[in-house]
């Protein structure tokens, strides 16, 4: 009985350690997945922001050109 008890104790301890290690690895894996998803979301938001800024700058240039054309038309009209 002494050997069987020792083997059982060793197996119990090994099982506990393996379960704890597995749980820790699973937690780290899930944490990494969540972190990766958050980073992807931030990157997508940043790309959308850059696209929006580019569109705004293009529209501002267009408005400036229209103001210039309008001013030119008004000056010609006065003459």
PDB file of N, CA and C in Angstrom:
ATOM      1  N   UNK A   1       0.804  -1.192   0.000  1.00  0.00           N
ATOM      2  CA  UNK A   1       0.000   0.000   0.000  1.00  0.00           C
ATOM      3  C   UNK A   1       0.850   1.260   0.000  1.00  0.00           C
ATOM      4  N   UNK A   2       2.004   1.218   0.517  1.00  0.00           N
ATOM      5  CA  UNK A   2       2.843   2.394   0.602  1.00  0.00           C
ATOM      6  C   UNK A   2       3.247   2.908  -0.777  1.00  0.00           C
ATOM      7  N   UNK A   3       3.577   1.985  -1.676  1.00  0.00           N
ATOM      8  CA  UNK A   3       3.982   2.379  -3.014  1.00  0.00           C
ATOM      9  C   UNK A   3       2.783   2.929  -3.781  1.00  0.00           C
ATOM     10  N   UNK A   4       1.624   2.281  -3.644  1.00  0.00           N
ATOM     11  CA  UNK A   4       0.416   2.733  -4.334  1.00  0.00           C
ATOM     12  C   UNK A   4       0.018   4.127  -3.855  1.00  0.00           C
ATOM     13  N   UNK A   5       0.144   4.381  -2.571  1.00  0.00           N
ATOM     14  CA  UNK A   5      -0.182   5.693  -2.026  1.00  0.00           C
ATOM     15  C   UNK A   5       0.775   6.753  -2.557  1.00  0.00           C
ATOM     16  N   UNK A   6       2.045   6.403  -2.624  1.00  0.00           N
ATOM     17  CA  UNK A   6       3.045   7.338  -3.143  1.00  0.00           C
ATOM     18  C   UNK A   6       2.786   7.641  -4.619  1.00  0.00           C
ATOM     19  N   UNK A   7       2.480   6.613  -5.404  1.00  0.00           N
ATOM     20  CA  UNK A   7       2.187   6.810  -6.822  1.00  0.00           C
ATOM     21  C   UNK A   7       0.947   7.682  -6.980  1.00  0.00           C
ATOM     22  N   UNK A   8      -0.074   7.397  -6.172  1.00  0.00           N
ATOM     23  CA  UNK A   8      -1.301   8.187  -6.231  1.00  0.00           C
ATOM     24  C   UNK A   8      -1.021   9.649  -5.873  1.00  0.00           C
ATOM     25  N   UNK A   9      -0.220   9.870  -4.867  1.00  0.00           N
ATOM     26  CA  UNK A   9       0.119  11.243  -4.459  1.00  0.00           C
ATOM     27  C   UNK A   9       0.894  11.959  -5.572  1.00  0.00           C
ATOM     28  N   UNK A  10       1.827  11.260  -6.194  1.00  0.00           N
ATOM     29  CA  UNK A  10       2.600  11.852  -7.281  1.00  0.00           C
ATOM     30  C   UNK A  10       1.703  12.177  -8.469  1.00  0.00           C
ATOM     31  N   UNK A  11       0.820  11.246  -8.827  1.00  0.00           N
ATOM     32  CA  UNK A  11      -0.095  11.487  -9.936  1.00  0.00           C
ATOM     33  C   UNK A  11      -1.051  12.631  -9.624  1.00  0.00           C
ATOM     34  N   UNK A  12      -1.515  12.717  -8.395  1.00  0.00           N
ATOM     35  CA  UNK A  12      -2.400  13.813  -8.006  1.00  0.00           C
ATOM     36  C   UNK A  12      -1.681  15.154  -8.117  1.00  0.00           C
ATOM     37  N   UNK A  13      -0.462  15.201  -7.637  1.00  0.00           N
ATOM     38  CA  UNK A  13       0.308  16.440  -7.715  1.00  0.00           C
ATOM     39  C   UNK A  13       0.600  16.794  -9.178  1.00  0.00           C
ATOM     40  N   UNK A  14       0.963  15.801  -9.969  1.00  0.00           N
ATOM     41  CA  UNK A  14       1.258  16.054 -11.388  1.00  0.00           C
ATOM     42  C   UNK A  14       0.006  16.540 -12.113  1.00  0.00           C
ATOM     43  N   UNK A  15      -1.143  15.935 -11.802  1.00  0.00           N
ATOM     44  CA  UNK A  15      -2.403  16.355 -12.424  1.00  0.00           C
ATOM     45  C   UNK A  15      -2.735  17.787 -12.042  1.00  0.00           C
ATOM     46  N   UNK A  16      -2.542  18.136 -10.798  1.00  0.00           N
ATOM     47  CA  UNK A  16      -2.811  19.496 -10.338  1.00  0.00           C
ATOM     48  C   UNK A  16      -1.907  20.498 -11.056  1.00  0.00           C
ATOM     49  N   UNK A  17      -0.633  20.166 -11.147  1.00  0.00           N
ATOM     50  CA  UNK A  17       0.321  21.051 -11.817  1.00  0.00           C
ATOM     51  C   UNK A  17      -0.029  21.180 -13.298  1.00  0.00           C
ATOM     52  N   UNK A  18      -0.362  20.078 -13.948  1.00  0.00           N
ATOM     53  CA  UNK A  18      -0.713  20.125 -15.367  1.00  0.00           C
ATOM     54  C   UNK A  18      -1.988  20.931 -15.604  1.00  0.00           C
ATOM     55  N   UNK A  19      -2.985  20.759 -14.744  1.00  0.00           N
ATOM     56  CA  UNK A  19      -4.224  21.533 -14.885  1.00  0.00           C
ATOM     57  C   UNK A  19      -3.969  23.015 -14.661  1.00  0.00           C
ATOM     58  N   UNK A  20      -3.186  23.352 -13.659  1.00  0.00           N
ATOM     59  CA  UNK A  20      -2.870  24.750 -13.391  1.00  0.00           C
ATOM     60  C   UNK A  20      -2.082  25.348 -14.556  1.00  0.00           C
ATOM     61  N   UNK A  21      -1.114  24.608 -15.078  1.00  0.00           N
ATOM     62  CA  UNK A  21      -0.325  25.088 -16.209  1.00  0.00           C
ATOM     63  C   UNK A  21      -1.202  25.252 -17.445  1.00  0.00           C
ATOM     64  N   UNK A  22      -2.062  24.273 -17.680  1.00  0.00           N
ATOM     65  CA  UNK A  22      -2.978  24.360 -18.815  1.00  0.00           C
ATOM     66  C   UNK A  22      -3.913  25.552 -18.696  1.00  0.00           C
ATOM     67  N   UNK A  23      -4.432  25.770 -17.505  1.00  0.00           N
ATOM     68  CA  UNK A  23      -5.316  26.918 -17.290  1.00  0.00           C
ATOM     69  C   UNK A  23      -4.575  28.232 -17.511  1.00  0.00           C
ATOM     70  N   UNK A  24      -3.360  28.318 -17.038  1.00  0.00           N
ATOM     71  CA  UNK A  24      -2.554  29.523 -17.227  1.00  0.00           C
ATOM     72  C   UNK A  24      -2.258  29.751 -18.706  1.00  0.00           C
ATOM     73  N   UNK A  25      -1.909  28.687 -19.422  1.00  0.00           N
ATOM     74  CA  UNK A  25      -1.645  28.817 -20.853  1.00  0.00           C
ATOM     75  C   UNK A  25      -2.908  29.226 -21.609  1.00  0.00           C
ATOM     76  N   UNK A  26      -4.054  28.659 -21.240  1.00  0.00           N
ATOM     77  CA  UNK A  26      -5.314  29.024 -21.888  1.00  0.00           C
ATOM     78  C   UNK A  26      -5.657  30.482 -21.627  1.00  0.00           C
ATOM     79  N   UNK A  27      -5.437  30.924 -20.391  1.00  0.00           N
ATOM     80  CA  UNK A  27      -5.698  32.323 -20.051  1.00  0.00           C
ATOM     81  C   UNK A  27      -4.801  33.242 -20.879  1.00  0.00           C
ATOM     82  N   UNK A  28      -3.520  32.883 -20.983  1.00  0.00           N
ATOM     83  CA  UNK A  28      -2.578  33.705 -21.754  1.00  0.00           C
ATOM     84  C   UNK A  28      -2.969  33.714 -23.235  1.00  0.00           C
ATOM     85  N   UNK A  29      -3.406  32.579 -23.756  1.00  0.00           N
ATOM     86  CA  UNK A  29      -3.834  32.500 -25.148  1.00  0.00           C
ATOM     87  C   UNK A  29      -5.048  33.392 -25.393  1.00  0.00           C
ATOM     88  N   UNK A  30      -6.039  33.305 -24.539  1.00  0.00           N
ATOM     89  CA  UNK A  30      -7.253  34.118 -24.691  1.00  0.00           C
ATOM     90  C   UNK A  30      -6.929  35.603 -24.542  1.00  0.00           C
ATOM     91  N   UNK A  31      -6.047  35.912 -23.634  1.00  0.00           N
ATOM     92  CA  UNK A  31      -5.630  37.304 -23.434  1.00  0.00           C
ATOM     93  C   UNK A  31      -4.936  37.834 -24.692  1.00  0.00           C
ATOM     94  N   UNK A  32      -4.089  37.005 -25.286  1.00  0.00           N
ATOM     95  CA  UNK A  32      -3.420  37.382 -26.520  1.00  0.00           C
ATOM     96  C   UNK A  32      -4.410  37.573 -27.661  1.00  0.00           C
ATOM     97  N   UNK A  33      -5.421  36.715 -27.739  1.00  0.00           N
ATOM     98  CA  UNK A  33      -6.448  36.852 -28.768  1.00  0.00           C
ATOM     99  C   UNK A  33      -7.206  38.168 -28.600  1.00  0.00           C
ATOM    100  N   UNK A  34      -7.583  38.482 -27.372  1.00  0.00           N
ATOM    101  CA  UNK A  34      -8.309  39.729 -27.108  1.00  0.00           C
ATOM    102  C   UNK A  34      -7.436  40.939 -27.430  1.00  0.00           C
ATOM    103  N   UNK A  35      -6.170  40.844 -27.092  1.00  0.00           N
ATOM    104  CA  UNK A  35      -5.241  41.938 -27.371  1.00  0.00           C
ATOM    105  C   UNK A  35      -5.075  42.127 -28.882  1.00  0.00           C
ATOM    106  N   UNK A  36      -4.968  41.034 -29.605  1.00  0.00           N
ATOM    107  CA  UNK A  36      -4.846  41.107 -31.056  1.00  0.00           C
ATOM    108  C   UNK A  36      -6.088  41.699 -31.700  1.00  0.00           C
ATOM    109  N   UNK A  37      -7.260  41.312 -31.202  1.00  0.00           N
ATOM    110  CA  UNK A  37      -8.511  41.853 -31.742  1.00  0.00           C
ATOM    111  C   UNK A  37      -8.605  43.349 -31.471  1.00  0.00           C
ATOM    112  N   UNK A  38      -8.200  43.767 -30.290  1.00  0.00           N
ATOM    113  CA  UNK A  38      -8.228  45.199 -29.948  1.00  0.00           C
ATOM    114  C   UNK A  38      -7.265  45.977 -30.832  1.00  0.00           C
ATOM    115  N   UNK A  39      -6.102  45.418 -31.071  1.00  0.00           N
ATOM    116  CA  UNK A  39      -5.130  46.102 -31.933  1.00  0.00           C
ATOM    117  C   UNK A  39      -5.659  46.210 -33.362  1.00  0.00           C
ATOM    118  N   UNK A  40      -6.278  45.148 -33.848  1.00  0.00           N
ATOM    119  CA  UNK A  40      -6.853  45.181 -35.198  1.00  0.00           C
ATOM    120  C   UNK A  40      -7.942  46.243 -35.285  1.00  0.00           C
ATOM    121  N   UNK A  41      -8.750  46.351 -34.240  1.00  0.00           N
ATOM    122  CA  UNK A  41      -9.801  47.370 -34.206  1.00  0.00           C
ATOM    123  C   UNK A  41      -9.197  48.775 -34.227  1.00  0.00           C
ATOM    124  N   UNK A  42      -8.152  48.976 -33.423  1.00  0.00           N
ATOM    125  CA  UNK A  42      -7.484  50.286 -33.398  1.00  0.00           C
ATOM    126  C   UNK A  42      -6.861  50.618 -34.749  1.00  0.00           C
ATOM    127  N   UNK A  43      -6.226  49.621 -35.365  1.00  0.00           N
ATOM    128  CA  UNK A  43      -5.617  49.850 -36.677  1.00  0.00           C
ATOM    129  C   UNK A  43      -6.669  50.205 -37.723  1.00  0.00           C
ATOM    130  N   UNK A  44      -7.795  49.501 -37.695  1.00  0.00           N
ATOM    131  CA  UNK A  44      -8.873  49.796 -38.643  1.00  0.00           C
ATOM    132  C   UNK A  44      -9.428  51.199 -38.404  1.00  0.00           C
ATOM    133  N   UNK A  45      -9.590  51.566 -37.147  1.00  0.00           N
ATOM    134  CA  UNK A  45     -10.063  52.917 -36.828  1.00  0.00           C
ATOM    135  C   UNK A  45      -9.069  53.972 -37.302  1.00  0.00           C
ATOM    136  N   UNK A  46      -7.795  53.691 -37.132  1.00  0.00           N
ATOM    137  CA  UNK A  46      -6.767  54.640 -37.558  1.00  0.00           C
ATOM    138  C   UNK A  46      -6.774  54.789 -39.078  1.00  0.00           C
ATOM    139  N   UNK A  47      -6.903  53.665 -39.806  1.00  0.00           N
ATOM    140  CA  UNK A  47      -6.967  53.748 -41.270  1.00  0.00           C
ATOM    141  C   UNK A  47      -8.204  54.529 -41.712  1.00  0.00           C
ATOM    142  N   UNK A  48      -9.331  54.311 -41.054  1.00  0.00           N
ATOM    143  CA  UNK A  48     -10.550  55.053 -41.393  1.00  0.00           C
ATOM    144  C   UNK A  48     -10.353  56.541 -41.135  1.00  0.00           C
ATOM    145  N   UNK A  49      -9.667  56.874 -40.049  1.00  0.00           N
ATOM    146  CA  UNK A  49      -9.401  58.275 -39.723  1.00  0.00           C
ATOM    147  C   UNK A  49      -8.513  58.921 -40.780  1.00  0.00           C
ATOM    148  N   UNK A  50      -7.495  58.189 -41.234  1.00  0.00           N
ATOM    149  CA  UNK A  50      -6.601  58.711 -42.266  1.00  0.00           C
ATOM    150  C   UNK A  50      -7.374  58.940 -43.556  1.00  0.00           C
ATOM    151  N   UNK A  51      -8.246  57.979 -43.925  1.00  0.00           N
ATOM    152  CA  UNK A  51      -9.055  58.156 -45.136  1.00  0.00           C
ATOM    153  C   UNK A  51      -9.965  59.369 -45.009  1.00  0.00           C
ATOM    154  N   UNK A  52     -10.582  59.537 -43.854  1.00  0.00           N
ATOM    155  CA  UNK A  52     -11.468  60.685 -43.643  1.00  0.00           C
ATOM    156  C   UNK A  52     -10.683  61.993 -43.716  1.00  0.00           C
ATOM    157  N   UNK A  53      -9.501  62.026 -43.118  1.00  0.00           N
ATOM    158  CA  UNK A  53      -8.670  63.235 -43.173  1.00  0.00           C
ATOM    159  C   UNK A  53      -8.273  63.562 -44.610  1.00  0.00           C
ATOM    160  N   UNK A  54      -7.962  62.536 -45.390  1.00  0.00           N
ATOM    161  CA  UNK A  54      -7.595  62.742 -46.791  1.00  0.00           C
ATOM    162  C   UNK A  54      -8.773  63.323 -47.572  1.00  0.00           C
ATOM    163  N   UNK A  55      -9.957  62.786 -47.329  1.00  0.00           N
ATOM    164  CA  UNK A  55     -11.150  63.304 -48.006  1.00  0.00           C
ATOM    165  C   UNK A  55     -11.417  64.755 -47.605  1.00  0.00           C
ATOM    166  N   UNK A  56     -11.236  65.059 -46.335  1.00  0.00           N
ATOM    167  CA  UNK A  56     -11.463  66.429 -45.856  1.00  0.00           C
ATOM    168  C   UNK A  56     -10.490  67.387 -46.531  1.00  0.00           C
ATOM    169  N   UNK A  57      -9.206  66.996 -46.614  1.00  0.00           N
ATOM    170  CA  UNK A  57      -8.228  67.859 -47.264  1.00  0.00           C
ATOM    171  C   UNK A  57      -8.560  68.066 -48.739  1.00  0.00           C
ATOM    172  N   UNK A  58      -9.015  67.009 -49.402  1.00  0.00           N
ATOM    173  CA  UNK A  58      -9.384  67.131 -50.814  1.00  0.00           C
ATOM    174  C   UNK A  58     -10.573  68.071 -50.976  1.00  0.00           C
ATOM    175  N   UNK A  59     -11.553  67.948 -50.088  1.00  0.00           N
ATOM    176  CA  UNK A  59     -12.708  68.848 -50.153  1.00  0.00           C
ATOM    177  C   UNK A  59     -12.310  70.286 -49.854  1.00  0.00           C
ATOM    178  N   UNK A  60     -11.398  70.485 -48.908  1.00  0.00           N
ATOM    179  CA  UNK A  60     -10.932  71.845 -48.607  1.00  0.00           C
ATOM    180  C   UNK A  60     -10.223  72.460 -49.810  1.00  0.00           C
ATOM    181  N   UNK A  61      -9.411  71.652 -50.513  1.00  0.00           N
ATOM    182  CA  UNK A  61      -8.748  72.143 -51.722  1.00  0.00           C
ATOM    183  C   UNK A  61      -9.784  72.511 -52.793  1.00  0.00           C
ATOM    184  N   UNK A  62     -10.798  71.657 -52.931  1.00  0.00           N
ATOM    185  CA  UNK A  62     -11.848  71.923 -53.912  1.00  0.00           C
ATOM    186  C   UNK A  62     -12.586  73.223 -53.590  1.00  0.00           C
ATOM    187  N   UNK A  63     -12.898  73.420 -52.323  1.00  0.00           N
ATOM    188  CA  UNK A  63     -13.580  74.650 -51.904  1.00  0.00           C
ATOM    189  C   UNK A  63     -12.689  75.863 -52.170  1.00  0.00           C
ATOM    190  N   UNK A  64     -11.407  75.755 -51.880  1.00  0.00           N
ATOM    191  CA  UNK A  64     -10.477  76.863 -52.122  1.00  0.00           C
ATOM    192  C   UNK A  64     -10.408  77.175 -53.621  1.00  0.00           C
ATOM    193  N   UNK A  65     -10.376  76.136 -54.456  1.00  0.00           N
ATOM    194  CA  UNK A  65     -10.369  76.365 -55.903  1.00  0.00           C
ATOM    195  C   UNK A  65     -11.663  77.042 -56.348  1.00  0.00           C
ATOM    196  N   UNK A  66     -12.785  76.601 -55.795  1.00  0.00           N
ATOM    197  CA  UNK A  66     -14.075  77.205 -56.158  1.00  0.00           C
ATOM    198  C   UNK A  66     -14.131  78.672 -55.731  1.00  0.00           C
ATOM    199  N   UNK A  67     -13.599  78.959 -54.554  1.00  0.00           N
ATOM    200  CA  UNK A  67     -13.557  80.359 -54.098  1.00  0.00           C
ATOM    201  C   UNK A  67     -12.694  81.191 -55.040  1.00  0.00           C
ATOM    202  N   UNK A  68     -11.578  80.636 -55.473  1.00  0.00           N
ATOM    203  CA  UNK A  68     -10.702  81.334 -56.408  1.00  0.00           C
ATOM    204  C   UNK A  68     -11.403  81.588 -57.739  1.00  0.00           C
ATOM    205  N   UNK A  69     -12.082  80.567 -58.242  1.00  0.00           N
ATOM    206  CA  UNK A  69     -12.809  80.729 -59.499  1.00  0.00           C
ATOM    207  C   UNK A  69     -13.930  81.754 -59.355  1.00  0.00           C
ATOM    208  N   UNK A  70     -14.625  81.696 -58.246  1.00  0.00           N
ATOM    209  CA  UNK A  70     -15.712  82.640 -57.992  1.00  0.00           C
ATOM    210  C   UNK A  70     -15.174  84.062 -57.921  1.00  0.00           C
ATOM    211  N   UNK A  71     -14.060  84.242 -57.239  1.00  0.00           N
ATOM    212  CA  UNK A  71     -13.454  85.574 -57.151  1.00  0.00           C
ATOM    213  C   UNK A  71     -13.040  86.059 -58.538  1.00  0.00           C
ATOM    214  N   UNK A  72     -12.488  85.155 -59.339  1.00  0.00           N
ATOM    215  CA  UNK A  72     -12.084  85.535 -60.698  1.00  0.00           C
ATOM    216  C   UNK A  72     -13.303  85.916 -61.531  1.00  0.00           C
ATOM    217  N   UNK A  73     -14.373  85.185 -61.390  1.00  0.00           N
ATOM    218  CA  UNK A  73     -15.591  85.472 -62.138  1.00  0.00           C
ATOM    219  C   UNK A  73     -16.190  86.825 -61.705  1.00  0.00           C
ATOM    220  N   UNK A  74     -16.155  87.085 -60.416  1.00  0.00           N
ATOM    221  CA  UNK A  74     -16.708  88.347 -59.911  1.00  0.00           C
ATOM    222  C   UNK A  74     -15.869  89.528 -60.366  1.00  0.00           C
ATOM    223  N   UNK A  75     -14.548  89.350 -60.411  1.00  0.00           N
ATOM    224  CA  UNK A  75     -13.698  90.469 -60.850  1.00  0.00           C
ATOM    225  C   UNK A  75     -13.918  90.736 -62.343  1.00  0.00           C
ATOM    226  N   UNK A  76     -14.129  89.719 -63.146  1.00  0.00           N
ATOM    227  CA  UNK A  76     -14.393  89.895 -64.567  1.00  0.00           C
ATOM    228  C   UNK A  76     -15.751  90.562 -64.797  1.00  0.00           C
ATOM    229  N   UNK A  77     -16.674  90.229 -63.940  1.00  0.00           N
ATOM    230  CA  UNK A  77     -18.019  90.772 -64.062  1.00  0.00           C
ATOM    231  C   UNK A  77     -18.054  92.263 -63.762  1.00  0.00           C
ATOM    232  N   UNK A  78     -17.213  92.713 -62.873  1.00  0.00           N
ATOM    233  CA  UNK A  78     -17.163  94.128 -62.497  1.00  0.00           C
ATOM    234  C   UNK A  78     -16.608  94.985 -63.616  1.00  0.00           C
ATOM    235  N   UNK A  79     -15.732  94.405 -64.420  1.00  0.00           N
ATOM    236  CA  UNK A  79     -15.089  95.183 -65.493  1.00  0.00           C
ATOM    237  C   UNK A  79     -16.040  95.370 -66.562  1.00  0.00           C
TER     238      UNK A  79
END
